[in-house]
PDB file of N, CA and C in Angstrom:
ATOM      1  N   MET A   1       0.922  -1.341   0.144  1.00  0.00           N
ATOM      2  CA  MET A   1      -0.145  -0.005  -0.002  1.00  0.00           C
ATOM      3  C   MET A   1       0.738   1.259   0.127  1.00  0.00           C
ATOM      4  N   ASN A   2       0.458   2.143  -0.646  1.00  0.00           N
ATOM      5  CA  ASN A   2       1.224   3.617  -1.139  1.00  0.00           C
ATOM      6  C   ASN A   2       0.689   4.391  -0.221  1.00  0.00           C
ATOM      7  N   LEU A   3       1.055   5.112   0.664  1.00  0.00           N
ATOM      8  CA  LEU A   3       0.500   5.961   1.344  1.00  0.00           C
ATOM      9  C   LEU A   3       0.823   7.193   0.847  1.00  0.00           C
ATOM     10  N   LEU A   4      -0.143   8.210   1.045  1.00  0.00           N
ATOM     11  CA  LEU A   4       0.125   9.535   0.322  1.00  0.00           C
ATOM     12  C   LEU A   4       0.311  10.870   1.517  1.00  0.00           C
ATOM     13  N   THR A   5       1.215  11.802   0.952  1.00  0.00           N
ATOM     14  CA  THR A   5       1.673  12.836   2.087  1.00  0.00           C
ATOM     15  C   THR A   5       0.499  13.960   1.980  1.00  0.00           C
ATOM     16  N   VAL A   6       0.486  14.878   2.750  1.00  0.00           N
ATOM     17  CA  VAL A   6      -0.580  15.927   2.810  1.00  0.00           C
ATOM     18  C   VAL A   6      -0.272  16.617   1.647  1.00  0.00           C
ATOM     19  N   ALA A   7       0.606  16.828   0.830  1.00  0.00           N
ATOM     20  CA  ALA A   7       1.148  17.746  -0.361  1.00  0.00           C
ATOM     21  C   ALA A   7       0.414  16.812  -1.640  1.00  0.00           C
ATOM     22  N   GLN A   8       0.160  15.760  -1.454  1.00  0.00           N
ATOM     23  CA  GLN A   8       0.145  14.594  -2.484  1.00  0.00           C
ATOM     24  C   GLN A   8      -1.782  14.488  -2.539  1.00  0.00           C
ATOM     25  N   VAL A   9      -2.119  14.511  -1.127  1.00  0.00           N
ATOM     26  CA  VAL A   9      -3.667  14.827  -0.877  1.00  0.00           C
ATOM     27  C   VAL A   9      -4.189  15.911  -1.333  1.00  0.00           C
ATOM     28  N   ALA A  10      -3.450  17.155  -1.112  1.00  0.00           N
ATOM     29  CA  ALA A  10      -3.717  18.444  -1.494  1.00  0.00           C
ATOM     30  C   ALA A  10      -3.905  18.428  -2.905  1.00  0.00           C
ATOM     31  N   GLU A  11      -2.918  17.985  -3.630  1.00  0.00           N
ATOM     32  CA  GLU A  11      -2.939  18.193  -5.151  1.00  0.00           C
ATOM     33  C   GLU A  11      -4.008  17.330  -5.697  1.00  0.00           C
ATOM     34  N   ARG A  12      -4.459  16.011  -5.245  1.00  0.00           N
ATOM     35  CA  ARG A  12      -5.709  15.280  -5.921  1.00  0.00           C
ATOM     36  C   ARG A  12      -6.885  16.128  -5.509  1.00  0.00           C
ATOM     37  N   LEU A  13      -7.194  16.553  -4.197  1.00  0.00           N
ATOM     38  CA  LEU A  13      -8.223  17.248  -4.071  1.00  0.00           C
ATOM     39  C   LEU A  13      -8.508  18.779  -4.638  1.00  0.00           C
ATOM     40  N   ALA A  14      -7.111  19.284  -5.548  1.00  0.00           N
ATOM     41  CA  ALA A  14      -6.584  20.365  -5.637  1.00  0.00           C
ATOM     42  C   ALA A  14      -7.651  21.494  -4.703  1.00  0.00           C
ATOM     43  N   ILE A  15      -6.483  21.367  -3.468  1.00  0.00           N
ATOM     44  CA  ILE A  15      -7.009  22.258  -2.326  1.00  0.00           C
ATOM     45  C   ILE A  15      -5.587  22.560  -1.804  1.00  0.00           C
ATOM     46  N   SER A  16      -5.545  23.479  -0.902  1.00  0.00           N
ATOM     47  CA  SER A  16      -4.359  23.943  -0.120  1.00  0.00           C
ATOM     48  C   SER A  16      -3.850  22.921   0.747  1.00  0.00           C
ATOM     49  N   ARG A  17      -2.637  23.117   1.270  1.00  0.00           N
ATOM     50  CA  ARG A  17      -2.032  21.896   2.146  1.00  0.00           C
ATOM     51  C   ARG A  17      -2.810  22.248   3.440  1.00  0.00           C
ATOM     52  N   SER A  18      -2.719  23.543   3.929  1.00  0.00           N
ATOM     53  CA  SER A  18      -3.899  24.050   5.216  1.00  0.00           C
ATOM     54  C   SER A  18      -4.811  23.652   5.045  1.00  0.00           C
ATOM     55  N   LEU A  19      -5.716  23.583   3.965  1.00  0.00           N
ATOM     56  CA  LEU A  19      -7.029  22.884   4.086  1.00  0.00           C
ATOM     57  C   LEU A  19      -7.151  21.712   4.400  1.00  0.00           C
ATOM     58  N   VAL A  20      -6.295  20.630   3.948  1.00  0.00           N
ATOM     59  CA  VAL A  20      -6.115  19.417   4.346  1.00  0.00           C
ATOM     60  C   VAL A  20      -5.964  19.323   5.639  1.00  0.00           C
ATOM     61  N   TYR A  21      -4.813  20.133   6.357  1.00  0.00           N
ATOM     62  CA  TYR A  21      -4.745  19.939   7.706  1.00  0.00           C
ATOM     63  C   TYR A  21      -5.809  20.581   8.459  1.00  0.00           C
ATOM     64  N   GLU A  22      -6.739  21.466   7.944  1.00  0.00           N
ATOM     65  CA  GLU A  22      -7.906  21.988   8.793  1.00  0.00           C
ATOM     66  C   GLU A  22      -9.164  20.488   8.443  1.00  0.00           C
ATOM     67  N   LEU A  23      -8.953  19.812   7.314  1.00  0.00           N
ATOM     68  CA  LEU A  23     -10.061  18.562   7.506  1.00  0.00           C
ATOM     69  C   LEU A  23      -9.566  17.696   8.752  1.00  0.00           C
ATOM     70  N   VAL A  24      -8.374  17.517   8.671  1.00  0.00           N
ATOM     71  CA  VAL A  24      -7.996  16.315   9.437  1.00  0.00           C
ATOM     72  C   VAL A  24      -8.136  16.939  10.782  1.00  0.00           C
ATOM     73  N   ALA A  25      -8.049  18.150  11.250  1.00  0.00           N
ATOM     74  CA  ALA A  25      -8.646  18.803  12.523  1.00  0.00           C
ATOM     75  C   ALA A  25      -9.857  18.460  12.894  1.00  0.00           C
ATOM     76  N   ARG A  26     -10.746  18.800  11.953  1.00  0.00           N
ATOM     77  CA  ARG A  26     -12.383  18.766  12.016  1.00  0.00           C
ATOM     78  C   ARG A  26     -12.676  17.389  12.008  1.00  0.00           C
ATOM     79  N   GLY A  27     -11.774  16.351  11.782  1.00  0.00           N
ATOM     80  CA  GLY A  27     -12.086  14.701  11.804  1.00  0.00           C
ATOM     81  C   GLY A  27     -12.879  14.621  10.345  1.00  0.00           C
ATOM     82  N   GLU A  28     -12.908  15.356   9.484  1.00  0.00           N
ATOM     83  CA  GLU A  28     -13.574  15.029   7.939  1.00  0.00           C
ATOM     84  C   GLU A  28     -12.684  13.960   7.075  1.00  0.00           C
ATOM     85  N   LEU A  29     -11.304  13.872   7.519  1.00  0.00           N
ATOM     86  CA  LEU A  29     -10.241  13.311   6.508  1.00  0.00           C
ATOM     87  C   LEU A  29      -9.552  12.309   7.610  1.00  0.00           C
ATOM     88  N   PRO A  30      -9.784  10.825   7.380  1.00  0.00           N
ATOM     89  CA  PRO A  30      -9.026  10.086   8.136  1.00  0.00           C
ATOM     90  C   PRO A  30      -7.500  10.029   7.751  1.00  0.00           C
ATOM     91  N   TYR A  31      -6.564   9.674   8.686  1.00  0.00           N
ATOM     92  CA  TYR A  31      -5.074  10.061   8.571  1.00  0.00           C
ATOM     93  C   TYR A  31      -4.299   8.931   9.379  1.00  0.00           C
ATOM     94  N   ILE A  32      -3.068   8.596   8.977  1.00  0.00           N
ATOM     95  CA  ILE A  32      -2.229   7.689   9.927  1.00  0.00           C
ATOM     96  C   ILE A  32      -0.917   8.713  10.360  1.00  0.00           C
ATOM     97  N   PRO A  33      -0.886   8.908  11.819  1.00  0.00           N
ATOM     98  CA  PRO A  33       0.271   9.611  12.294  1.00  0.00           C
ATOM     99  C   PRO A  33       1.404   8.756  11.870  1.00  0.00           C
ATOM    100  N   VAL A  34       2.501   9.699  11.691  1.00  0.00           N
ATOM    101  CA  VAL A  34       3.741   9.178  11.491  1.00  0.00           C
ATOM    102  C   VAL A  34       4.784   9.604  12.381  1.00  0.00           C
ATOM    103  N   GLY A  35       5.445   8.897  13.051  1.00  0.00           N
ATOM    104  CA  GLY A  35       6.603   9.424  14.256  1.00  0.00           C
ATOM    105  C   GLY A  35       5.914  10.053  15.167  1.00  0.00           C
ATOM    106  N   LYS A  36       7.064  11.131  15.845  1.00  0.00           N
ATOM    107  CA  LYS A  36       6.559  12.000  17.120  1.00  0.00           C
ATOM    108  C   LYS A  36       6.081  13.105  16.409  1.00  0.00           C
ATOM    109  N   SER A  37       6.256  13.828  15.002  1.00  0.00           N
ATOM    110  CA  SER A  37       6.318  14.744  14.488  1.00  0.00           C
ATOM    111  C   SER A  37       4.715  14.826  14.147  1.00  0.00           C
ATOM    112  N   LYS A  38       4.292  15.772  13.528  1.00  0.00           N
ATOM    113  CA  LYS A  38       2.861  15.888  13.318  1.00  0.00           C
ATOM    114  C   LYS A  38       2.697  15.462  11.903  1.00  0.00           C
ATOM    115  N   ALA A  39       3.523  14.550  11.439  1.00  0.00           N
ATOM    116  CA  ALA A  39       3.411  14.202   9.849  1.00  0.00           C
ATOM    117  C   ALA A  39       2.149  12.928   9.806  1.00  0.00           C
ATOM    118  N   TYR A  40       1.353  13.227   8.716  1.00  0.00           N
ATOM    119  CA  TYR A  40       0.187  12.588   8.613  1.00  0.00           C
ATOM    120  C   TYR A  40       0.523  11.744   7.180  1.00  0.00           C
ATOM    121  N   ARG A  41      -0.149  10.705   6.993  1.00  0.00           N
ATOM    122  CA  ARG A  41      -0.145   9.796   5.754  1.00  0.00           C
ATOM    123  C   ARG A  41      -1.583   9.347   5.598  1.00  0.00           C
ATOM    124  N   PHE A  42      -1.814   9.218   4.338  1.00  0.00           N
ATOM    125  CA  PHE A  42      -3.284   9.092   4.116  1.00  0.00           C
ATOM    126  C   PHE A  42      -3.331   7.834   3.085  1.00  0.00           C
ATOM    127  N   ASP A  43      -4.321   7.051   3.325  1.00  0.00           N
ATOM    128  CA  ASP A  43      -4.574   5.641   2.539  1.00  0.00           C
ATOM    129  C   ASP A  43      -5.323   6.482   0.946  1.00  0.00           C
ATOM    130  N   PRO A  44      -5.139   6.061   0.212  1.00  0.00           N
ATOM    131  CA  PRO A  44      -5.780   6.280  -1.139  1.00  0.00           C
ATOM    132  C   PRO A  44      -7.208   5.948  -1.228  1.00  0.00           C
ATOM    133  N   GLU A  45      -7.567   4.967  -0.316  1.00  0.00           N
ATOM    134  CA  GLU A  45      -8.674   4.678  -0.441  1.00  0.00           C
ATOM    135  C   GLU A  45      -9.729   5.582   0.260  1.00  0.00           C
ATOM    136  N   ASP A  46      -9.211   5.882   1.322  1.00  0.00           N
ATOM    137  CA  ASP A  46      -9.865   6.619   2.459  1.00  0.00           C
ATOM    138  C   ASP A  46     -10.109   8.224   1.721  1.00  0.00           C
ATOM    139  N   ILE A  47      -9.059   8.599   0.717  1.00  0.00           N
ATOM    140  CA  ILE A  47      -9.186   9.874  -0.092  1.00  0.00           C
ATOM    141  C   ILE A  47     -10.629   9.513  -1.006  1.00  0.00           C
ATOM    142  N   ALA A  48     -10.350   8.209  -1.642  1.00  0.00           N
ATOM    143  CA  ALA A  48     -11.707   8.070  -2.769  1.00  0.00           C
ATOM    144  C   ALA A  48     -12.985   7.816  -1.986  1.00  0.00           C
ATOM    145  N   VAL A  49     -13.010   7.615  -0.856  1.00  0.00           N
ATOM    146  CA  VAL A  49     -14.249   7.580   0.223  1.00  0.00           C
ATOM    147  C   VAL A  49     -14.469   8.944   0.321  1.00  0.00           C
ATOM    148  N   PHE A  50     -13.964   9.798   0.943  1.00  0.00           N
ATOM    149  CA  PHE A  50     -13.751  11.232   1.216  1.00  0.00           C
ATOM    150  C   PHE A  50     -14.591  11.758  -0.236  1.00  0.00           C
ATOM    151  N   ILE A  51     -13.906  11.755  -1.467  1.00  0.00           N
ATOM    152  CA  ILE A  51     -14.718  12.523  -2.251  1.00  0.00           C
ATOM    153  C   ILE A  51     -15.801  11.986  -2.836  1.00  0.00           C
ATOM    154  N   ARG A  52     -16.259  10.693  -2.703  1.00  0.00           N
ATOM    155  CA  ARG A  52     -17.510   9.910  -3.059  1.00  0.00           C
ATOM    156  C   ARG A  52     -18.650  10.431  -2.167  1.00  0.00           C
ATOM    157  N   ALA A  53     -18.327  10.614  -1.013  1.00  0.00           N
ATOM    158  CA  ALA A  53     -18.990  11.132   0.255  1.00  0.00           C
ATOM    159  C   ALA A  53     -19.585  12.612   0.025  1.00  0.00           C
ATOM    160  N   ARG A  54     -18.743  13.245  -0.898  1.00  0.00           N
ATOM    161  CA  ARG A  54     -18.909  14.537  -0.991  1.00  0.00           C
ATOM    162  C   ARG A  54     -19.717  15.210  -2.328  1.00  0.00           C
ATOM    163  N   LYS A  55     -20.102  13.937  -3.244  1.00  0.00           N
ATOM    164  CA  LYS A  55     -20.339  14.068  -4.755  1.00  0.00           C
ATOM    165  C   LYS A  55     -21.797  14.675  -4.681  1.00  0.00           C
ATOM    166  N   VAL A  56     -22.174  15.874  -5.274  1.00  0.00           N
ATOM    167  CA  VAL A  56     -23.420  16.433  -5.407  1.00  0.00           C
ATOM    168  C   VAL A  56     -24.143  16.094  -6.796  1.00  0.00           C
ATOM    169  N   VAL A  57     -25.200  15.514  -6.621  1.00  0.00           N
ATOM    170  CA  VAL A  57     -25.907  15.302  -7.879  1.00  0.00           C
ATOM    171  C   VAL A  57     -27.167  16.254  -7.838  1.00  0.00           C
ATOM    172  N   ASN A  58     -27.297  16.926  -8.561  1.00  0.00           N
ATOM    173  CA  ASN A  58     -28.289  17.983  -9.139  1.00  0.00           C
ATOM    174  C   ASN A  58     -29.631  17.369  -9.479  1.00  0.00           C
ATOM    175  N   GLU A  59     -29.891  16.288  -9.415  1.00  0.00           N
ATOM    176  CA  GLU A  59     -31.203  15.795  -9.727  1.00  0.00           C
ATOM    177  C   GLU A  59     -32.505  16.202  -9.121  1.00  0.00           C
ATOM    178  N   GLY A  60     -33.335  16.525  -9.420  1.00  0.00           N
ATOM    179  CA  GLY A  60     -34.700  17.364  -9.242  1.00  0.00           C
ATOM    180  C   GLY A  60     -34.637  18.705  -8.646  1.00  0.00           C
ATOM    181  N   ARG A  61     -33.524  19.335  -8.308  1.00  0.00           N
ATOM    182  CA  ARG A  61     -33.413  20.536  -8.286  1.00  0.00           C
ATOM    183  C   ARG A  61     -33.819  21.668  -9.549  1.00  0.00           C
ATOM    184  N   LYS A  62     -34.568  22.641  -8.886  1.00  0.00           N
ATOM    185  CA  LYS A  62     -34.715  23.610  -9.874  1.00  0.00           C
ATOM    186  C   LYS A  62     -33.356  24.397 -10.103  1.00  0.00           C
ATOM    187  N   PRO A  63     -33.294  24.988 -11.475  1.00  0.00           N
ATOM    188  CA  PRO A  63     -32.042  25.546 -11.586  1.00  0.00           C
ATOM    189  C   PRO A  63     -32.525  27.276 -10.655  1.00  0.00           C
ATOM    190  N   PRO A  64     -31.129  27.603 -10.633  1.00  0.00           N
ATOM    191  CA  PRO A  64     -30.782  29.087 -10.114  1.00  0.00           C
ATOM    192  C   PRO A  64     -31.983  29.896 -10.967  1.00  0.00           C
ATOM    193  N   VAL A  65     -32.408  30.883 -10.065  1.00  0.00           N
ATOM    194  CA  VAL A  65     -33.484  31.936 -10.570  1.00  0.00           C
ATOM    195  C   VAL A  65     -32.276  32.977 -11.248  1.00  0.00           C
ATOM    196  N   SER A  66     -32.538  33.405 -12.268  1.00  0.00           N
ATOM    197  CA  SER A  66     -31.767  34.243 -12.713  1.00  0.00           C
ATOM    198  C   SER A  66     -32.320  35.650 -12.494  1.00  0.00           C
ATOM    199  N   ARG A  67     -31.610  36.543 -11.955  1.00  0.00           N
ATOM    200  CA  ARG A  67     -31.963  37.992 -11.351  1.00  0.00           C
ATOM    201  C   ARG A  67     -31.345  38.869 -12.379  1.00  0.00           C
ATOM    202  N   PRO A  68     -32.164  39.933 -12.645  1.00  0.00           N
ATOM    203  CA  PRO A  68     -32.094  41.328 -13.411  1.00  0.00           C
ATOM    204  C   PRO A  68     -30.689  41.889 -13.229  1.00  0.00           C
ATOM    205  N   ARG A  69     -30.113  42.558 -14.031  1.00  0.00           N
ATOM    206  CA  ARG A  69     -29.149  43.413 -13.696  1.00  0.00           C
ATOM    207  C   ARG A  69     -29.564  44.442 -13.509  1.00  0.00           C
ATOM    208  N   LEU A  70     -28.753  45.154 -12.451  1.00  0.00           N
ATOM    209  CA  LEU A  70     -28.939  46.468 -11.914  1.00  0.00           C
ATOM    210  C   LEU A  70     -28.399  47.632 -13.157  1.00  0.00           C
ATOM    211  N   LYS A  71     -29.113  48.015 -13.581  1.00  0.00           N
ATOM    212  CA  LYS A  71     -28.525  49.107 -14.583  1.00  0.00           C
ATOM    213  C   LYS A  71     -28.090  50.215 -14.425  1.00  0.00           C
ATOM    214  N   HIS A  72     -28.634  50.602 -13.071  1.00  0.00           N
ATOM    215  CA  HIS A  72     -27.895  51.921 -12.520  1.00  0.00           C
ATOM    216  C   HIS A  72     -26.694  52.092 -11.983  1.00  0.00           C
ATOM    217  N   ILE A  73     -26.157  50.587 -11.747  1.00  0.00           N
ATOM    218  CA  ILE A  73     -24.738  50.702 -10.975  1.00  0.00           C
ATOM    219  C   ILE A  73     -23.864  50.260 -12.057  1.00  0.00           C
ATOM    220  N   GLN A  74     -22.934  51.206 -12.049  1.00  0.00           N
ATOM    221  CA  GLN A  74     -21.590  50.843 -13.299  1.00  0.00           C
ATOM    222  C   GLN A  74     -20.306  50.448 -12.421  1.00  0.00           C
ATOM    223  N   LEU A  75     -19.743  49.355 -12.788  1.00  0.00           N
ATOM    224  CA  LEU A  75     -18.581  49.038 -12.216  1.00  0.00           C
ATOM    225  C   LEU A  75     -17.275  49.599 -12.970  1.00  0.00           C
TER     226      LEU A  75
END
């Protein structure tokens, strides 16, 4: 089994490394502690489960309502 580093997880999820640490701190992302330092390793299957659990399917939802532009405001 090849475990992933924080940097590799961040790359796979297209997020920052600090957000990976935040997900770990919130208990949303399972990890394996390594050594006495705060080094973490991640099981690729856990990352796949994390992704699958957060998939959103837009079935049955109404499309967002388009709102008129405010013509009097200029940017």
